[in-house]
Amino acid sequence: MPRNGEINKEFGVYRNLCCGSEIIIPEGVTFPDCPRHFKLTTEWKFIADTERIPHAAELKPKRPA
């Protein structure tokens, strides 16, 4: 399980084990500290999801009703 300071090897959504905070982190980016527990070891668990996360360019803007 990756920890803060390690380089991410797989794009995805990750949840930390200490308090359940979730992040989306791209491949090649360093895992951060927990937003609530700075300077402590933070383990990040990959959240496997069957639904694909769309790219921002694929999202259609909502039009006012």
Protein backbone atom coordinates (compact mmCIF):
# COMPACT_ATOMS: atom_id res chain seq x y z
CA MET A 1 0.00 0.00 0.00
CA PRO A 2 1.53 3.37 -0.98
CA ARG A 3 2.48 5.93 1.67
CA ASN A 4 2.95 9.70 1.66
CA GLY A 5 6.18 10.66 -0.08
CA GLU A 6 6.08 7.70 -2.51
CA ILE A 7 5.51 8.13 -6.26
CA ASN A 8 2.12 6.96 -7.56
CA LYS A 9 2.35 4.19 -10.16
CA GLU A 10 -1.33 4.08 -11.22
CA PHE A 11 -3.80 6.92 -11.88
CA GLY A 12 -6.90 6.61 -9.75
CA VAL A 13 -8.89 7.46 -6.68
CA TYR A 14 -7.21 6.72 -3.35
CA ARG A 15 -8.53 6.80 0.23
CA ASN A 16 -6.30 7.21 3.26
CA LEU A 17 -6.63 4.70 6.07
CA CYS A 18 -6.45 7.14 8.99
CA CYS A 19 -9.58 9.22 8.36
CA GLY A 20 -11.02 8.21 4.97
CA SER A 21 -10.05 11.32 2.96
CA GLU A 22 -10.14 10.66 -0.78
CA ILE A 23 -7.98 12.08 -3.58
CA ILE A 24 -7.60 11.64 -7.30
CA ILE A 25 -3.93 11.35 -8.07
CA PRO A 26 -2.24 10.92 -11.44
CA GLU A 27 0.58 8.51 -12.20
CA GLY A 28 4.03 9.90 -11.40
CA VAL A 29 2.85 12.28 -8.66
CA THR A 30 3.99 12.01 -5.04
CA PHE A 31 1.39 10.88 -2.52
CA PRO A 32 0.62 13.73 -0.08
CA ASP A 33 0.32 13.81 3.69
CA CYS A 34 -3.16 13.36 5.09
CA PRO A 35 -4.93 16.74 5.06
CA ARG A 36 -5.85 16.25 8.73
CA HIS A 37 -2.68 14.60 10.04
CA PHE A 38 0.35 16.49 8.72
CA LYS A 39 3.83 15.02 9.14
CA LEU A 40 2.50 11.56 10.09
CA THR A 41 2.73 8.40 8.00
CA THR A 42 -0.29 8.16 5.72
CA GLU A 43 -1.22 5.00 3.82
CA TRP A 44 -3.32 5.40 0.67
CA LYS A 45 -5.57 2.58 -0.56
CA PHE A 46 -6.53 2.36 -4.24
CA ILE A 47 -10.30 2.42 -4.70
CA ALA A 48 -11.16 0.04 -7.53
CA ASP A 49 -14.18 1.33 -9.38
CA THR A 50 -15.81 -0.15 -12.43
CA GLU A 51 -17.05 3.22 -13.64
CA ARG A 52 -14.57 5.21 -15.72
CA ILE A 53 -13.70 8.71 -14.45
CA PRO A 54 -14.33 11.18 -17.30
CA HIS A 55 -11.75 13.74 -18.35
CA ALA A 56 -12.81 17.36 -17.67
CA ALA A 57 -12.95 18.04 -21.43
CA GLU A 58 -15.58 15.31 -21.77
CA LEU A 59 -17.98 16.93 -19.33
CA LYS A 60 -20.81 18.98 -20.77
CA PRO A 61 -21.62 22.27 -19.03
CA LYS A 62 -25.06 22.45 -17.43
CA ARG A 63 -27.41 24.97 -18.96
CA PRO A 64 -29.73 27.01 -16.77
CA ALA A 65 -33.35 25.85 -16.79
